[in-house]
Protein backbone atom coordinates (compact mmCIF):
# COMPACT_ATOMS: atom_id res chain seq x y z
CA MET A 1 -35.79 65.87 138.61
CA PRO A 2 -32.99 68.48 138.86
CA SER A 3 -31.31 69.46 135.66
CA VAL A 4 -27.71 68.55 135.02
CA MET A 5 -26.83 72.08 134.09
CA GLU A 6 -28.40 73.50 137.20
CA LYS A 7 -26.24 76.10 138.91
CA PRO A 8 -25.15 74.89 142.33
CA SER A 9 -25.95 76.99 145.39
CA PRO A 10 -23.23 79.02 147.10
CA ALA A 11 -23.50 76.81 150.18
CA SER A 12 -22.57 73.73 148.33
CA GLY A 13 -19.57 75.54 146.85
CA ILE A 14 -18.40 76.58 150.24
CA LEU A 15 -18.90 73.09 151.66
CA SER A 16 -16.86 71.45 148.91
CA ARG A 17 -14.03 73.94 149.43
CA SER A 18 -13.98 73.31 153.22
CA ARG A 19 -13.93 69.61 152.58
CA ALA A 20 -11.08 70.06 150.15
CA LYS A 21 -9.10 71.99 152.78
CA THR A 22 -9.71 69.67 155.68
CA ALA A 23 -8.99 66.43 153.74
CA PRO A 24 -5.16 66.77 153.66
CA ASN A 25 -4.82 67.59 157.35
CA GLY A 26 -6.35 64.22 158.35
CA HIS A 27 -9.06 65.67 160.56
CA GLN A 28 -11.92 64.66 158.29
CA PRO A 29 -10.96 62.20 155.54
CA PRO A 30 -13.30 62.33 152.55
CA SER A 31 -15.32 59.28 151.64
CA GLU A 32 -15.94 57.92 148.11
CA ASP A 33 -19.48 59.29 147.99
CA GLU A 34 -18.28 62.75 148.90
CA GLY A 35 -15.56 62.69 146.24
CA SER A 36 -18.04 61.64 143.55
CA GLU A 37 -20.34 64.44 144.59
CA ASP A 38 -17.48 66.95 144.30
CA GLU A 39 -16.67 65.73 140.74
CA HIS A 40 -20.30 65.80 139.69
CA SER A 41 -20.79 69.43 141.05
CA HIS A 42 -17.56 70.45 139.33
CA ASP A 43 -18.65 68.97 136.00
CA SER A 44 -22.13 70.43 136.16
CA MET A 45 -20.89 74.05 136.70
CA ILE A 46 -21.54 76.56 133.92
CA ARG A 47 -18.24 77.92 132.80
CA VAL A 48 -18.97 81.56 132.56
CA GLY A 49 -16.52 84.32 133.35
CA ALA A 50 -13.14 85.62 132.54
CA ASP A 51 -11.40 82.37 133.55
CA TYR A 52 -13.19 80.41 130.90
CA GLN A 53 -12.75 82.81 128.02
CA ALA A 54 -9.99 82.73 125.32
CA VAL A 55 -7.54 85.55 125.19
CA ILE A 56 -7.74 87.24 121.82
CA PRO A 57 -4.54 88.93 120.70
CA GLU A 58 -4.55 92.34 119.20
CA CYS A 59 -5.13 92.73 115.50
CA LYS A 60 -1.90 92.84 113.48
CA PRO A 61 -1.57 94.67 110.26
CA GLU A 62 -1.68 92.74 107.01
CA SER A 63 1.52 90.97 106.29
CA PRO A 64 2.88 90.30 102.83
CA ALA A 65 1.20 87.52 100.88
CA ARG A 66 2.47 84.17 102.04
CA TYR A 67 1.97 82.60 98.58
CA SER A 68 3.80 85.26 96.64
CA ASN A 69 7.03 83.27 96.38
CA LYS A 70 5.36 80.01 95.50
CA GLU A 71 5.45 78.81 91.95
CA LEU A 72 2.17 78.94 90.00
CA LYS A 73 0.75 75.49 89.33
CA GLY A 74 -1.50 76.44 86.34
CA MET A 75 -1.21 78.43 83.19
CA LEU A 76 -3.93 80.09 81.22
CA VAL A 77 -4.27 78.46 77.75
CA TRP A 78 -7.24 80.42 76.37
CA SER A 79 -9.16 83.59 77.00
CA PRO A 80 -11.79 84.79 74.46
CA ASN A 81 -11.49 88.25 72.97
CA HIS A 82 -13.98 90.39 71.14
CA CYS A 83 -11.38 91.39 68.51
CA VAL A 84 -11.53 87.95 66.88
CA SER A 85 -14.92 87.17 65.36
CA ASP A 86 -16.44 83.72 65.59
CA ALA A 87 -16.24 83.09 61.88
CA LYS A 88 -12.59 83.94 61.79
CA LEU A 89 -11.92 81.86 64.87
CA ASP A 90 -13.64 78.88 63.29
CA LYS A 91 -11.65 79.28 60.10
CA TYR A 92 -8.41 79.42 62.02
CA ILE A 93 -9.28 76.31 63.97
CA ALA A 94 -10.21 74.42 60.87
CA MET A 95 -6.90 75.31 59.18
CA ALA A 96 -4.86 74.41 62.24
CA LYS A 97 -6.66 70.96 62.50
CA ASP A 98 -6.65 70.07 58.81
CA LYS A 99 -3.26 71.43 57.72
CA HIS A 100 -1.12 71.08 60.82
CA GLY A 101 -2.84 68.38 62.84
CA TYR A 102 -3.59 70.54 66.00
CA ASN A 103 -6.53 69.94 68.17
CA ILE A 104 -8.79 72.74 69.38
CA GLU A 105 -7.04 73.31 72.68
CA GLN A 106 -3.62 73.44 71.13
CA ALA A 107 -4.80 75.87 68.35
CA LEU A 108 -6.40 78.18 70.92
CA GLY A 109 -3.35 78.06 73.10
CA MET A 110 -1.21 79.18 70.20
CA LEU A 111 -3.60 82.03 69.45
CA LEU A 112 -3.49 83.19 73.10
CA TRP A 113 0.29 83.07 73.09
CA HIS A 114 0.33 85.50 70.14
CA LYS A 115 -2.21 87.74 71.93
CA HIS A 116 -5.13 86.83 69.58
CA ASP A 117 -3.18 87.65 66.38
CA VAL A 118 -4.47 85.12 63.83
CA GLU A 119 -1.82 85.87 61.17
CA LYS A 120 1.09 85.38 63.50
CA SER A 121 -0.49 82.20 64.98
CA LEU A 122 -1.01 80.76 61.48
CA ALA A 123 2.57 81.54 60.58
CA ASP A 124 3.85 79.89 63.81
CA LEU A 125 1.79 76.69 63.65
CA ALA A 126 4.24 75.08 61.26
CA ASN A 127 7.21 75.67 63.73
CA PHE A 128 5.86 73.23 66.34
CA THR A 129 4.82 69.60 66.35
CA PRO A 130 1.39 69.10 68.08
CA PHE A 131 1.07 66.48 70.75
CA PRO A 132 0.16 63.27 68.97
CA ASP A 133 -2.94 61.12 69.70
CA GLU A 134 -1.62 58.19 71.76
CA TRP A 135 -4.86 56.28 71.29
CA THR A 136 -4.15 53.46 68.84
CA VAL A 137 -6.82 51.22 67.32
CA GLU A 138 -5.97 48.54 69.92
CA ASP A 139 -6.47 50.94 72.68
CA LYS A 140 -9.81 52.04 71.36
CA VAL A 141 -11.00 48.40 70.97
CA LEU A 142 -9.91 47.60 74.53
CA PHE A 143 -11.67 50.73 75.86
CA GLU A 144 -14.91 49.77 74.12
CA GLN A 145 -14.67 46.24 75.62
CA ALA A 146 -13.88 47.48 79.09
CA PHE A 147 -16.68 50.08 78.87
CA SER A 148 -19.15 47.36 77.90
CA PHE A 149 -18.03 45.31 80.95
CA HIS A 150 -17.64 47.91 83.62
CA GLY A 151 -19.66 50.98 82.44
CA LYS A 152 -18.37 54.29 83.78
CA SER A 153 -16.09 52.66 86.38
CA PHE A 154 -12.85 54.27 85.09
CA ALA A 155 -10.77 52.58 87.84
CA ARG A 156 -11.69 49.09 86.45
CA ILE A 157 -11.26 50.33 82.94
CA GLN A 158 -7.76 51.41 83.83
CA GLN A 159 -6.97 47.84 84.82
CA MET A 160 -7.35 46.78 81.18
CA LEU A 161 -5.41 49.87 80.02
CA PRO A 162 -2.68 50.40 82.70
CA ASP A 163 -0.73 52.82 80.55
CA LYS A 164 -3.63 55.35 80.57
CA LEU A 165 -4.35 57.66 83.31
CA ILE A 166 -7.91 58.19 84.58
CA PRO A 167 -8.13 61.82 83.36
CA SER A 168 -7.09 60.60 79.94
CA LEU A 169 -9.74 57.86 80.02
CA VAL A 170 -12.40 60.39 81.04
CA LYS A 171 -11.41 62.78 78.35
CA TYR A 172 -11.43 60.06 75.70
CA TYR A 173 -14.85 58.87 77.05
CA TYR A 174 -16.49 62.20 76.28
CA SER A 175 -14.98 62.54 72.83
CA TRP A 176 -15.97 58.92 72.05
CA LYS A 177 -19.42 59.47 73.37
CA LYS A 178 -20.04 62.32 71.00
CA THR A 179 -18.70 60.62 67.81
CA ARG A 180 -19.55 56.99 68.41
CA SER A 181 -22.15 55.16 66.42
CA ARG A 182 -24.05 52.06 67.29
CA THR A 183 -21.40 49.89 65.75
CA SER A 184 -18.06 49.44 67.42
CA VAL A 185 -14.56 49.69 65.87
CA MET A 186 -14.43 45.97 65.44
CA ASP A 187 -17.79 45.88 63.69
CA ARG A 188 -16.77 48.73 61.37
CA GLN A 189 -13.53 46.87 60.53
CA ALA A 190 -15.36 43.67 59.86
CA ARG A 191 -17.85 45.51 57.63
CA ARG A 192 -15.01 47.21 55.80
CA LEU A 193 -13.29 43.83 55.17
CA LEU A 194 -16.59 42.25 54.04
CA SER A 195 -17.35 45.02 51.51
CA LYS A 196 -13.80 44.83 50.15
CA LYS A 197 -14.30 41.04 49.65
CA GLU A 198 -17.59 41.50 47.92
CA ARG A 199 -16.08 44.13 45.65
CA ASP A 200 -13.23 41.73 44.68
CA ASP A 201 -15.79 38.94 43.98
CA SER A 202 -17.80 41.31 41.81
CA ASN A 203 -14.79 42.36 39.87
CA ASP A 204 -13.89 38.68 39.29
CA GLU A 205 -17.42 37.90 38.06
CA MET A 206 -17.24 41.01 35.72
CA GLU A 207 -14.05 39.72 34.15
CA GLU A 208 -15.43 36.23 33.72
CA GLY A 209 -18.55 37.66 32.09
CA ARG A 210 -16.54 39.69 29.68
CA ALA A 211 -14.25 36.71 28.85
CA THR A 212 -17.27 34.53 27.93
CA SER A 213 -19.34 37.28 26.27
CA GLU A 214 -18.20 36.14 22.77
CA GLY A 215 -19.15 32.44 23.46
CA GLU A 216 -21.88 31.48 25.87
CA PHE A 217 -23.68 34.86 25.99
CA ASP A 218 -23.73 35.37 22.19
CA VAL A 219 -27.36 34.29 21.67
CA GLY A 220 -29.41 35.92 18.97
CA ASP A 221 -28.91 39.40 17.78
CA PRO A 222 -26.64 41.35 20.12
CA LYS A 223 -28.25 44.68 19.21
CA LYS A 224 -31.68 43.37 20.13
CA GLU A 225 -30.38 41.99 23.41
CA VAL A 226 -28.74 45.19 24.43
CA ARG A 227 -31.37 47.58 23.31
CA TRP A 228 -34.01 47.57 26.04
CA GLY A 229 -36.01 50.62 25.15
CA ALA A 230 -36.25 53.62 22.88
CA GLY A 231 -34.94 57.01 23.70
CA VAL A 232 -36.99 59.31 25.78
CA GLY A 233 -36.95 63.05 25.14
CA GLY A 234 -34.12 62.86 22.72
CA HIS A 235 -31.77 61.15 25.15
CA LYS A 236 -30.13 57.77 24.78
CA SER A 237 -31.95 54.78 26.25
CA LEU A 238 -30.96 54.04 29.76
CA GLY A 239 -31.32 50.29 29.08
CA ALA A 240 -28.40 50.28 26.68
CA GLY A 241 -26.31 52.91 28.48
CA LEU A 242 -26.90 53.11 32.19
CA TRP A 243 -27.65 49.48 32.98
CA GLY A 244 -26.05 46.77 30.94
CA CYS A 245 -26.20 43.03 30.91
CA PRO A 246 -23.37 41.11 32.58
CA GLY A 247 -22.03 39.95 29.28
CA GLY A 248 -22.22 43.16 27.43
CA ARG A 249 -19.30 45.41 26.47
CA GLN A 250 -20.88 48.71 27.13
CA GLY A 251 -20.43 50.76 30.24
CA SER A 252 -17.37 51.91 32.24
CA GLN A 253 -15.07 49.42 33.75
CA GLY A 254 -15.36 50.93 37.15
CA GLY A 255 -16.77 48.85 40.01
CA GLY A 256 -20.42 49.27 40.87
CA SER A 257 -23.15 46.99 42.02
CA ARG A 258 -22.89 43.36 40.95
CA GLY A 259 -23.91 42.98 37.27
CA MET A 260 -24.45 46.66 36.70
CA TYR A 261 -22.43 49.10 34.56
CA LEU A 262 -22.62 52.85 34.40
CA SER A 263 -22.33 55.16 31.43
CA PRO A 264 -21.38 58.85 31.70
CA GLU A 265 -23.83 59.82 28.89
CA ALA A 266 -26.69 58.15 30.65
CA LEU A 267 -25.87 59.74 34.02
CA ALA A 268 -25.75 63.16 32.35
CA GLY A 269 -29.16 62.46 30.88
CA VAL A 270 -30.64 61.39 34.20
CA SER A 271 -29.22 64.56 35.89
CA ALA A 272 -30.66 66.83 33.12
CA ASN A 273 -34.10 65.24 33.22
CA PRO A 274 -35.19 63.87 36.67
CA ASP A 275 -38.20 62.01 35.23
CA LEU A 276 -36.04 60.12 32.81
CA GLY A 277 -34.99 57.48 35.41
CA THR A 278 -38.60 56.76 36.35
CA LEU A 279 -39.65 56.34 32.69
CA ALA A 280 -36.68 54.14 31.96
CA LEU A 281 -37.57 51.89 34.94
CA ARG A 282 -41.16 51.58 33.63
CA GLN A 283 -39.81 50.63 30.15
CA LEU A 284 -37.61 48.05 31.79
CA ASP A 285 -40.51 46.60 33.81
CA ALA A 286 -42.69 46.35 30.64
CA GLN A 287 -39.80 44.60 28.85
CA LEU A 288 -39.31 42.24 31.78
CA ILE A 289 -43.02 41.26 31.68
CA ALA A 290 -42.78 40.70 27.87
CA LEU A 291 -39.75 38.44 28.32
CA LYS A 292 -41.48 36.44 31.01
CA ARG A 293 -44.53 35.89 28.70
CA GLN A 294 -42.05 34.82 25.96
CA VAL A 295 -40.46 32.31 28.34
CA GLN A 296 -43.95 30.96 29.31
CA CYS A 297 -44.82 30.48 25.72
CA ILE A 298 -41.68 28.63 24.99
CA LYS A 299 -42.35 26.39 28.05
CA GLN A 300 -45.79 25.52 26.65
CA ILE A 301 -44.48 24.74 23.16
CA ASN A 302 -41.77 22.44 24.71
CA SER A 303 -44.44 20.74 26.82
CA SER A 304 -46.64 20.01 23.74
CA LEU A 305 -43.65 18.69 21.77
CA LYS A 306 -42.73 16.39 24.73
CA GLN A 307 -46.27 14.99 24.75
CA VAL A 308 -46.00 14.24 21.03
CA LEU A 309 -42.69 12.49 21.54
CA ASP A 310 -44.18 10.45 24.40
CA GLY A 311 -47.03 9.29 22.11
CA GLY A 312 -44.58 7.48 19.80
CA ILE A 313 -44.13 7.64 16.07
CA ASP A 314 -46.60 4.88 15.20
CA LYS A 315 -49.06 7.37 13.80
CA LEU A 316 -46.47 8.75 11.54
CA ARG A 317 -45.60 5.48 10.00
CA PRO A 318 -47.02 4.67 6.52
CA PRO A 319 -49.67 1.85 6.47
CA GLU A 320 -48.32 -1.52 5.44
CA CYS A 321 -49.52 -2.90 2.12
């Protein structure tokens, strides 16, 4: 089978030219088969030679830059320099963030503007207002919801936050990814409100306990009730100072755990002697066991008295004469 790219013979080329010349005169009209053969032979020719080569112009000398008159689209905002140490740079960034509200990029841009002069940059920070964070709590909540629905599809996230650009969403995603915890903003807000409610309830119970301490809770000797253990190592007993009963008067009035009061003297004693807390807890456990035994004995006495009452008083009556 002949190849398509096979070079035609000179005879076939001469024959095709003679046919092309005789056809317009009418002496030998070309047929359709002959025309198709001419087209096929013309297409299968290898185009080699000067007629098929591109004309390359002469090399011109370099012209002036075509982009010299165009406006620059970017501006350098930071370039590190060995004259500023890392410790000094971290201190400058921390001061710019805490005192003036700048972010890291804005603080570094100010430092580059003053040619890495930290003193001039610190003096000039107060003369400008940093770009505020436009992400409100509502925006953050919507972003978390959209991210839980759509994942990293920022185009779909933008449908829930139409006022945010996709670069802004991507930038916030990476900052949120580094600092986020397993709980969302809504969970943290709900937990904060719940803890505040529990603190208020605890304060109300503390006030009610103090109001009724003179009446209902005044049972037995108050000193014996409050004193839960002897002093250890010359310090005051933690039972009377660090943890007090709900109806007691001792302890600070600050909020703590429910039914627990703290004393500065007891805290100082615990900090001075680390083993003091363990010893105090052991004393409290022993006292708790003793109180449980006392309650059990009282229950047994009450049970025996109840059995005597159920038997009646016939045995106690004097015999009839």
